Amino acid sequence: MPEKLDLSFDAVWKAFESFYARHVIAPRDFKLHQEAPEIAKQIDSETKLQPVLAQLLEFIPIQSCKYIVQRIMLHWEVEKVGSNKTDYKLIWSRLTNPIGNHDDVTNLLHLIAKKYGAPSLTPDSSRKAAMLLRLALGGLEVEVQGTRTSIPQKQRVSFLINALLYTFRNDRFHGNMQPPFKSSLGTLQTYAHTHYCFLWAHLLFLFAVSKRLPNSVSIQDLANNTIANIETFSEFYGKHLLK
């Protein structure tokens, strides 16, 4: 931090995943598609974290929503030739796992995909799909293809963990993307997306610690710290969150 936010995200995510596996759910292995719904449920049930979640969901960058749209809808319902599954299939399998309940999210994604003609999205339609997804993730009721949809907060949190954070983690881990800040194409929007992923990973790590070592990190400590981080984040990026 702050020059290499992608490496900062990697470090905090690894710390979260390792700590959660060893100290919260041991001796089970960490499998995100199984853990994310329960983590989201626990976070959503914490009264002191409601202002935190409201701000995190409100200030999601449009760039992060574009990232989700591209990873899911550019291969929408199309099998990739060869043995490797597409991002769409991997994300979809996490969202439709019987352990979690993401019905409102997946129904909305179907409607958005139909409205904008996935997988044949143009840059303009991709942006419009991302803007629509951003409204829904912020908690607003949206109307798509004549259907009104609002997504419960617990689902929105679980969706972001499964579709945004874990996909970004996998892209980084498997080298599926160029390091975002080694190119002249890197912009403030690029930083905003990576910084946002870092904020979520940081919250998840501290939440895991608070469950196992409450004397080290309390829920109130977590809330205060994250609110301060979000305020700095939103003030710094400002209108760039919407570009």
Protein backbone atom coordinates (compact mmCIF):
# COMPACT_ATOMS: atom_id res chain seq x y z
CA MET A 1 0.00 0.00 0.00
CA PRO A 2 -0.53 2.28 -1.76
CA GLU A 3 1.70 1.79 -4.83
CA LYS A 4 0.89 -1.90 -5.36
CA LEU A 5 -2.72 -2.34 -4.36
CA ASP A 6 -2.99 -5.61 -6.27
CA LEU A 7 -0.21 -7.15 -4.16
CA SER A 8 -1.84 -5.70 -1.04
CA PHE A 9 -5.08 -7.43 -1.99
CA ASP A 10 -3.22 -10.72 -2.54
CA ALA A 11 -1.54 -10.52 0.85
CA VAL A 12 -4.70 -9.73 2.80
CA TRP A 13 -6.80 -12.32 0.96
CA LYS A 14 -4.21 -15.04 1.65
CA ALA A 15 -4.16 -14.02 5.32
CA PHE A 16 -7.97 -14.18 5.48
CA GLU A 17 -8.22 -17.55 3.74
CA SER A 18 -5.46 -19.10 5.84
CA PHE A 19 -6.70 -17.72 9.17
CA TYR A 20 -10.32 -18.65 8.45
CA ALA A 21 -9.38 -22.22 7.52
CA ARG A 22 -7.07 -22.79 10.48
CA HIS A 23 -8.85 -20.95 13.25
CA VAL A 24 -12.54 -20.54 12.37
CA ILE A 25 -13.62 -23.70 10.49
CA ALA A 26 -10.74 -26.09 11.27
CA PRO A 27 -10.20 -28.90 10.51
CA ARG A 28 -12.20 -28.46 7.27
CA ASP A 29 -10.55 -27.13 4.12
CA PHE A 30 -11.50 -23.65 2.96
CA LYS A 31 -13.92 -23.88 0.03
CA LEU A 32 -15.28 -20.49 -0.84
CA HIS A 33 -18.53 -21.62 -2.46
CA GLN A 34 -19.39 -23.33 0.83
CA GLU A 35 -18.11 -20.62 3.16
CA ALA A 36 -19.24 -17.40 1.44
CA PRO A 37 -22.99 -17.73 2.21
CA GLU A 38 -22.29 -18.38 5.90
CA ILE A 39 -19.74 -15.56 6.11
CA ALA A 40 -22.24 -13.21 4.44
CA LYS A 41 -24.99 -14.35 6.82
CA GLN A 42 -22.81 -13.69 9.88
CA ILE A 43 -21.66 -10.29 8.64
CA ASP A 44 -25.22 -9.33 7.70
CA SER A 45 -26.47 -10.27 11.17
CA GLU A 46 -24.06 -7.92 12.97
CA THR A 47 -25.95 -4.76 13.89
CA LYS A 48 -22.75 -2.73 14.28
CA LEU A 49 -21.71 -3.59 10.71
CA GLN A 50 -24.90 -2.31 9.04
CA PRO A 51 -23.50 1.21 8.40
CA VAL A 52 -20.30 -0.39 7.07
CA LEU A 53 -22.14 -2.63 4.62
CA ALA A 54 -24.38 0.21 3.49
CA GLN A 55 -21.36 2.32 2.56
CA LEU A 56 -19.37 -0.52 1.01
CA LEU A 57 -22.29 -1.43 -1.22
CA GLU A 58 -23.05 2.20 -2.06
CA PHE A 59 -19.51 3.04 -3.16
CA ILE A 60 -18.78 0.05 -5.38
CA PRO A 61 -16.89 1.39 -8.43
CA ILE A 62 -18.49 1.02 -11.84
CA GLN A 63 -15.14 -0.50 -12.87
CA SER A 64 -15.70 -3.39 -10.44
CA CYS A 65 -19.17 -3.98 -11.89
CA LYS A 66 -17.68 -3.95 -15.41
CA TYR A 67 -15.20 -6.56 -14.26
CA ILE A 68 -18.02 -8.79 -12.98
CA VAL A 69 -20.08 -8.32 -16.16
CA GLN A 70 -17.11 -9.18 -18.37
CA ARG A 71 -16.17 -12.27 -16.39
CA ILE A 72 -19.73 -13.61 -16.35
CA MET A 73 -21.39 -12.41 -19.54
CA LEU A 74 -18.70 -12.52 -22.22
CA HIS A 75 -19.03 -16.33 -22.17
CA TRP A 76 -22.69 -16.41 -21.13
CA GLU A 77 -24.08 -19.94 -21.52
CA VAL A 78 -21.28 -20.78 -23.98
CA GLU A 79 -18.95 -23.71 -23.27
CA LYS A 80 -15.29 -22.93 -23.92
CA VAL A 81 -13.51 -25.32 -26.26
CA GLY A 82 -11.06 -27.49 -24.31
CA SER A 83 -10.89 -28.67 -20.73
CA ASN A 84 -10.77 -25.31 -18.96
CA LYS A 85 -14.03 -23.85 -17.75
CA THR A 86 -14.89 -20.25 -18.47
CA ASP A 87 -15.06 -17.68 -15.69
CA TYR A 88 -18.81 -17.67 -16.26
CA LYS A 89 -19.12 -21.40 -15.51
CA LEU A 90 -16.86 -21.22 -12.46
CA ILE A 91 -18.68 -18.23 -10.99
CA TRP A 92 -22.08 -19.70 -11.83
CA SER A 93 -21.24 -22.97 -10.09
CA ARG A 94 -20.39 -21.03 -6.93
CA LEU A 95 -23.60 -19.01 -7.11
CA THR A 96 -25.86 -22.01 -7.77
CA ASN A 97 -24.30 -24.27 -5.15
CA PRO A 98 -27.15 -25.69 -3.02
CA ILE A 99 -25.44 -24.50 0.19
CA GLY A 100 -25.97 -20.86 -0.76
CA ASN A 101 -29.08 -19.01 -1.84
CA HIS A 102 -28.39 -16.54 -4.64
CA ASP A 103 -31.69 -16.88 -6.49
CA ASP A 104 -32.43 -13.14 -6.66
CA VAL A 105 -28.93 -12.42 -7.99
CA THR A 106 -28.95 -15.17 -10.60
CA ASN A 107 -32.45 -14.24 -11.75
CA LEU A 108 -31.32 -10.64 -12.21
CA LEU A 109 -28.23 -11.73 -14.14
CA HIS A 110 -30.43 -13.76 -16.49
CA LEU A 111 -32.57 -10.68 -17.13
CA ILE A 112 -29.55 -8.43 -17.69
CA ALA A 113 -27.99 -10.98 -20.03
CA LYS A 114 -31.19 -11.12 -22.08
CA LYS A 115 -31.61 -7.34 -22.16
CA TYR A 116 -28.09 -6.67 -23.41
CA GLY A 117 -27.64 -9.71 -25.65
CA ALA A 118 -24.94 -11.62 -23.78
CA PRO A 119 -22.48 -12.97 -24.74
CA SER A 120 -22.34 -10.50 -27.67
CA LEU A 121 -21.98 -7.38 -25.56
CA THR A 122 -20.74 -4.16 -27.10
CA PRO A 123 -18.64 -1.76 -24.99
CA ASP A 124 -21.74 0.42 -24.59
CA SER A 125 -24.04 -2.44 -23.57
CA SER A 126 -21.36 -3.80 -21.22
CA ARG A 127 -21.21 -0.42 -19.47
CA LYS A 128 -25.01 -0.19 -19.25
CA ALA A 129 -25.18 -3.70 -17.79
CA ALA A 130 -22.53 -2.73 -15.24
CA MET A 131 -24.41 0.44 -14.26
CA LEU A 132 -27.60 -1.57 -13.78
CA LEU A 133 -25.79 -4.15 -11.68
CA ARG A 134 -24.27 -1.36 -9.59
CA LEU A 135 -27.72 0.02 -8.76
CA ALA A 136 -28.91 -3.43 -7.69
CA LEU A 137 -25.83 -4.09 -5.58
CA GLY A 138 -26.36 -0.73 -3.91
CA GLY A 139 -29.74 -1.97 -2.69
CA LEU A 140 -32.07 -0.24 -5.13
CA GLU A 141 -34.99 -1.96 -6.81
CA VAL A 142 -34.34 -2.21 -10.54
CA GLU A 143 -36.67 -3.04 -13.42
CA VAL A 144 -35.30 -5.22 -16.22
CA GLN A 145 -37.34 -6.76 -19.02
CA GLY A 146 -40.53 -5.78 -17.21
CA THR A 147 -39.50 -7.49 -13.97
CA ARG A 148 -38.81 -5.57 -10.77
CA THR A 149 -36.02 -7.00 -8.64
CA SER A 150 -34.39 -6.10 -5.34
CA ILE A 151 -31.62 -8.20 -3.84
CA PRO A 152 -31.41 -8.84 -0.07
CA GLN A 153 -28.23 -7.52 1.48
CA LYS A 154 -27.01 -10.96 2.52
CA GLN A 155 -27.13 -12.11 -1.10
CA ARG A 156 -25.34 -8.99 -2.29
CA VAL A 157 -22.50 -9.56 0.16
CA SER A 158 -22.18 -13.23 -0.73
CA PHE A 159 -22.32 -12.40 -4.44
CA LEU A 160 -19.48 -9.89 -4.18
CA ILE A 161 -17.34 -12.41 -2.28
CA ASN A 162 -18.01 -15.14 -4.86
CA ALA A 163 -18.15 -13.17 -8.10
CA LEU A 164 -15.83 -10.21 -7.50
CA LEU A 165 -13.27 -11.03 -4.84
CA TYR A 166 -12.67 -14.71 -5.53
CA THR A 167 -12.57 -14.20 -9.29
CA PHE A 168 -10.05 -11.38 -8.86
CA ARG A 169 -8.07 -13.63 -6.54
CA ASN A 170 -8.10 -16.42 -9.15
CA ASP A 171 -7.07 -14.07 -11.96
CA ARG A 172 -4.12 -12.94 -9.85
CA PHE A 173 -3.21 -16.45 -8.66
CA HIS A 174 -3.35 -18.08 -12.10
CA GLY A 175 -1.79 -15.18 -13.98
CA ASN A 176 -4.88 -14.65 -16.12
CA MET A 177 -4.42 -10.90 -16.17
CA GLN A 178 -1.63 -8.42 -16.69
CA PRO A 179 -0.57 -6.70 -13.45
CA PRO A 180 -2.90 -3.69 -13.58
CA PHE A 181 -0.32 -1.02 -12.80
CA LYS A 182 2.49 -2.07 -15.14
CA SER A 183 0.78 -0.56 -18.15
CA SER A 184 0.27 2.98 -19.33
CA LEU A 185 -3.42 2.00 -19.54
CA GLY A 186 -3.69 2.00 -15.74
CA THR A 187 -6.07 4.75 -14.59
CA LEU A 188 -7.67 5.96 -11.39
CA GLN A 189 -10.57 3.67 -12.25
CA THR A 190 -8.14 0.74 -12.28
CA TYR A 191 -6.88 1.74 -8.85
CA ALA A 192 -10.44 2.19 -7.56
CA HIS A 193 -11.42 -1.35 -8.55
CA THR A 194 -8.35 -2.92 -6.94
CA HIS A 195 -8.59 -0.69 -3.87
CA TYR A 196 -12.24 -1.69 -3.44
CA CYS A 197 -11.34 -5.39 -3.54
CA PHE A 198 -8.66 -4.69 -0.94
CA LEU A 199 -11.19 -3.00 1.39
CA TRP A 200 -13.44 -6.06 1.26
CA ALA A 201 -10.57 -8.50 1.82
CA HIS A 202 -9.37 -6.40 4.76
CA LEU A 203 -12.86 -6.46 6.28
CA LEU A 204 -13.12 -10.24 5.82
CA PHE A 205 -9.76 -10.83 7.48
CA LEU A 206 -10.59 -8.65 10.48
CA PHE A 207 -14.02 -10.26 10.73
CA ALA A 208 -12.43 -13.71 10.84
CA VAL A 209 -10.05 -12.55 13.57
CA SER A 210 -12.93 -11.02 15.55
CA LYS A 211 -14.75 -14.38 15.50
CA ARG A 212 -11.76 -16.26 16.89
CA LEU A 213 -9.93 -13.59 18.91
CA PRO A 214 -12.53 -11.00 19.98
CA ASN A 215 -10.14 -9.50 22.53
CA SER A 216 -7.77 -8.63 19.68
CA VAL A 217 -10.34 -7.19 17.26
CA SER A 218 -13.90 -6.37 18.28
CA ILE A 219 -16.78 -5.89 15.86
CA GLN A 220 -16.83 -2.21 16.86
CA ASP A 221 -13.10 -1.89 16.09
CA LEU A 222 -13.76 -3.49 12.71
CA ALA A 223 -16.67 -1.15 12.01
CA ASN A 224 -14.74 1.99 12.98
CA ASN A 225 -11.69 1.00 10.94
CA THR A 226 -13.65 0.09 7.83
CA ILE A 227 -15.81 3.23 7.93
CA ALA A 228 -12.63 5.34 8.10
CA ASN A 229 -11.18 3.42 5.15
CA ILE A 230 -14.36 3.82 3.07
CA GLU A 231 -14.51 7.55 3.76
CA THR A 232 -10.92 7.99 2.60
CA PHE A 233 -11.61 5.80 -0.43
CA SER A 234 -14.76 7.67 -1.51
CA GLU A 235 -13.22 11.10 -0.96
CA PHE A 236 -10.10 10.24 -2.95
CA TYR A 237 -11.77 8.68 -6.01
CA GLY A 238 -14.92 10.80 -6.02
CA LYS A 239 -16.54 10.91 -9.47
CA HIS A 240 -14.06 8.32 -10.77
CA LEU A 241 -16.12 5.65 -9.03
CA LEU A 242 -18.82 6.26 -11.64
CA LYS A 243 -16.56 6.19 -14.72
